[in-house]
Amino acid sequence: APRELPRRSAQTAIHRIATDLARLLAPIGSFTAEEVWQHLPRAPGGPASVFLSGLPAADPALDDEELLDRWTRLRAVRSEVTRAIEDVRRAGRLGHSLDAAVTLRAAGPRLELLRAYAASLAEVFIVSSVALEERTGGGEELEVVVEPATAEKGGRCWNRREDVGRDAARPDVCGRCATVLAGL
């Protein structure tokens, strides 16, 4: 919904990236950077031109080595998941990655990391669902199992979810999308 925190947070991040990128590109792509600048929302009294804004300064509040380390490890897992999805896709058992249901078997620190991000893993891996299981038998290796998702496909998000069709007013979408649409 327009006023919900996840949407506003994403818009803020995109605005900051676009603003800083326009400022960085201004010396070499002057006309394009200025055109971008004119289309970006600005605070009252803000610079009217990208050339009056100066270069962006590094924000020490955004320097978080622990967060960077966690996401580096998550991206490594994502690479393994993507590789496994491609293998299943090449075998002809899967079309789009959103048609996949992924099961991850891990142990130790890797399992702890995955559990901490369990609610977001499907979005990070661009799949319909992710199940986590503790790996037994020792070792830190990650086991990735990819199966075609069996749930219905949502007409808005294309995720395959068990709750597609449960909202009588919006029978072709999942519960999350139904909630978002109701808030519009």
Protein backbone atom coordinates (compact mmCIF):
# COMPACT_ATOMS: atom_id res chain seq x y z
CA ALA A 1 0.00 0.00 0.00
CA PRO A 2 1.24 3.54 -0.70
CA ARG A 3 1.85 4.46 2.95
CA GLU A 4 3.18 1.09 4.17
CA LEU A 5 6.72 0.96 5.57
CA PRO A 6 8.17 -1.62 3.12
CA ARG A 7 7.09 0.46 0.13
CA ARG A 8 8.27 3.77 1.63
CA SER A 9 11.58 2.18 2.62
CA ALA A 10 12.15 0.88 -0.91
CA GLN A 11 11.25 4.27 -2.39
CA THR A 12 13.68 6.02 -0.05
CA ALA A 13 16.51 3.66 -0.99
CA ILE A 14 15.82 4.04 -4.72
CA HIS A 15 15.64 7.83 -4.40
CA ARG A 16 18.96 7.95 -2.57
CA ILE A 17 20.63 5.71 -5.16
CA ALA A 18 19.22 7.75 -8.08
CA THR A 19 20.22 11.07 -6.51
CA ASP A 20 23.77 9.95 -5.72
CA LEU A 21 24.18 8.28 -9.12
CA ALA A 22 23.05 11.44 -10.94
CA ARG A 23 25.55 13.48 -8.91
CA LEU A 24 28.38 11.04 -9.65
CA LEU A 25 27.60 10.86 -13.37
CA ALA A 26 27.19 14.62 -13.85
CA PRO A 27 30.85 15.27 -14.80
CA ILE A 28 30.81 12.70 -17.61
CA GLY A 29 27.14 12.49 -18.63
CA SER A 30 26.11 16.05 -17.99
CA PHE A 31 22.93 16.30 -20.06
CA THR A 32 21.60 12.93 -18.92
CA ALA A 33 22.44 13.60 -15.27
CA GLU A 34 20.70 16.99 -15.41
CA GLU A 35 17.62 15.47 -17.04
CA VAL A 36 17.45 12.79 -14.33
CA TRP A 37 17.89 15.47 -11.65
CA GLN A 38 14.96 17.47 -13.00
CA HIS A 39 12.69 14.42 -12.64
CA LEU A 40 13.74 13.51 -9.10
CA PRO A 41 11.71 14.80 -6.16
CA ARG A 42 13.70 17.35 -4.14
CA ALA A 43 13.27 18.88 -0.72
CA PRO A 44 12.12 22.51 -0.71
CA GLY A 45 15.15 24.75 -1.16
CA GLY A 46 17.25 21.88 -2.57
CA PRO A 47 19.64 22.48 -5.47
CA ALA A 48 17.80 23.22 -8.71
CA SER A 49 20.55 21.65 -10.79
CA VAL A 50 22.69 18.55 -10.36
CA PHE A 51 25.69 20.83 -10.91
CA LEU A 52 24.83 22.85 -7.81
CA SER A 53 24.55 19.78 -5.61
CA GLY A 54 28.18 18.69 -5.35
CA LEU A 55 29.41 15.12 -5.08
CA PRO A 56 27.78 12.80 -2.53
CA ALA A 57 29.63 12.23 0.72
CA ALA A 58 30.02 8.82 2.30
CA ASP A 59 27.60 8.28 5.19
CA PRO A 60 29.40 6.56 8.07
CA ALA A 61 26.02 5.51 9.52
CA LEU A 62 25.66 3.14 6.57
CA ASP A 63 29.01 1.42 7.20
CA ASP A 64 28.04 -1.90 8.78
CA GLU A 65 30.63 -4.64 8.37
CA GLU A 66 28.51 -7.24 10.18
CA LEU A 67 25.56 -6.63 7.84
CA LEU A 68 27.88 -6.77 4.82
CA ASP A 69 29.29 -10.10 6.04
CA ARG A 70 25.81 -11.61 6.54
CA TRP A 71 24.68 -10.55 3.07
CA THR A 72 27.91 -11.80 1.50
CA ARG A 73 27.17 -15.22 3.00
CA LEU A 74 23.50 -15.03 1.90
CA ARG A 75 24.56 -14.15 -1.65
CA ALA A 76 26.84 -17.20 -1.66
CA VAL A 77 23.85 -19.37 -0.70
CA ARG A 78 21.78 -17.62 -3.37
CA SER A 79 24.41 -18.56 -5.98
CA GLU A 80 24.13 -22.22 -4.95
CA VAL A 81 20.32 -22.07 -5.10
CA THR A 82 20.41 -20.39 -8.52
CA ARG A 83 22.81 -23.07 -9.81
CA ALA A 84 20.48 -25.83 -8.55
CA ILE A 85 17.45 -24.14 -10.15
CA GLU A 86 19.28 -23.92 -13.48
CA ASP A 87 20.09 -27.64 -13.33
CA VAL A 88 16.39 -28.47 -12.79
CA ARG A 89 15.39 -26.01 -15.51
CA ARG A 90 17.82 -27.58 -18.00
CA ALA A 91 16.31 -30.98 -17.20
CA GLY A 92 12.94 -29.56 -18.31
CA ARG A 93 11.23 -29.92 -14.92
CA LEU A 94 10.88 -26.19 -14.27
CA GLY A 95 10.09 -23.03 -16.19
CA HIS A 96 10.57 -19.83 -14.20
CA SER A 97 12.35 -19.70 -10.84
CA LEU A 98 9.05 -18.63 -9.23
CA ASP A 99 7.77 -22.10 -10.11
CA ALA A 100 10.31 -23.59 -7.67
CA ALA A 101 9.96 -24.80 -4.10
CA VAL A 102 13.41 -24.97 -2.49
CA THR A 103 14.47 -27.00 0.54
CA LEU A 104 17.78 -26.10 2.16
CA ARG A 105 19.55 -28.48 4.50
CA ALA A 106 22.29 -26.84 6.53
CA ALA A 107 23.99 -26.99 9.89
CA GLY A 108 25.89 -24.76 12.27
CA PRO A 109 26.39 -21.06 11.57
CA ARG A 110 24.97 -21.35 8.05
CA LEU A 111 21.69 -22.75 9.39
CA GLU A 112 21.56 -19.98 12.01
CA LEU A 113 22.03 -17.35 9.29
CA LEU A 114 19.30 -18.89 7.13
CA ARG A 115 16.90 -19.09 10.07
CA ALA A 116 17.51 -15.40 10.85
CA TYR A 117 16.39 -14.51 7.30
CA ALA A 118 13.81 -17.29 6.87
CA ALA A 119 10.92 -14.90 6.23
CA SER A 120 12.77 -13.24 3.33
CA LEU A 121 14.56 -16.16 1.70
CA ALA A 122 11.92 -16.77 -0.99
CA GLU A 123 12.28 -13.16 -2.13
CA VAL A 124 16.09 -13.26 -1.94
CA PHE A 125 16.22 -16.44 -4.05
CA ILE A 126 13.30 -15.40 -6.31
CA VAL A 127 11.38 -18.62 -5.68
CA SER A 128 7.89 -19.37 -4.40
CA SER A 129 8.88 -21.07 -1.15
CA VAL A 130 11.88 -22.02 0.94
CA ALA A 131 11.91 -24.71 3.63
CA LEU A 132 14.80 -25.05 6.07
CA GLU A 133 15.94 -28.33 7.56
CA GLU A 134 18.80 -29.15 9.87
CA ARG A 135 21.47 -31.19 8.14
CA THR A 136 22.56 -34.26 10.04
CA GLY A 137 25.70 -36.28 9.62
CA GLY A 138 28.18 -33.47 10.24
CA GLY A 139 29.80 -31.08 7.85
CA GLU A 140 28.98 -27.51 6.97
CA GLU A 141 27.94 -28.27 3.39
CA LEU A 142 24.68 -26.91 2.11
CA GLU A 143 22.26 -29.27 0.41
CA VAL A 144 19.85 -27.64 -2.03
CA VAL A 145 16.77 -29.53 -3.22
CA VAL A 146 14.64 -27.90 -5.93
CA GLU A 147 11.20 -29.23 -6.77
CA PRO A 148 8.39 -27.75 -8.87
CA ALA A 149 6.00 -25.88 -6.58
CA THR A 150 2.56 -27.47 -6.46
CA ALA A 151 0.53 -24.52 -5.16
CA GLU A 152 -1.58 -22.26 -7.37
CA LYS A 153 0.11 -19.32 -9.09
CA GLY A 154 -0.91 -15.83 -7.98
CA GLY A 155 -2.07 -13.59 -10.81
CA ARG A 156 -0.33 -10.49 -9.45
CA CYS A 157 2.99 -11.67 -7.96
CA TRP A 158 3.28 -14.98 -9.88
CA ASN A 159 4.35 -16.72 -6.67
CA ARG A 160 2.93 -20.17 -6.10
CA ARG A 161 1.31 -20.03 -2.67
CA GLU A 162 -1.12 -22.13 -0.73
CA ASP A 163 -3.36 -19.13 0.00
CA VAL A 164 -4.11 -18.21 -3.64
CA GLY A 165 -7.86 -17.91 -4.00
CA ARG A 166 -8.71 -17.70 -0.30
CA ASP A 167 -9.90 -14.10 -0.58
CA ALA A 168 -13.34 -14.30 -2.21
CA ALA A 169 -13.09 -10.68 -3.42
CA ARG A 170 -9.79 -11.41 -5.19
CA PRO A 171 -9.75 -15.13 -6.07
CA ASP A 172 -6.75 -14.93 -8.42
CA VAL A 173 -4.18 -13.53 -5.94
CA CYS A 174 -2.33 -14.74 -2.85
CA GLY A 175 -3.10 -13.52 0.66
CA ARG A 176 -0.24 -11.02 0.69
CA CYS A 177 -1.33 -9.45 -2.59
CA ALA A 178 -4.98 -9.42 -1.46
CA THR A 179 -3.96 -7.46 1.63
CA VAL A 180 -1.96 -4.98 -0.44
CA LEU A 181 -4.78 -4.53 -2.95
CA ALA A 182 -7.30 -3.99 -0.14
CA GLY A 183 -5.11 -1.17 1.17
CA LEU A 184 -5.04 0.73 -2.13
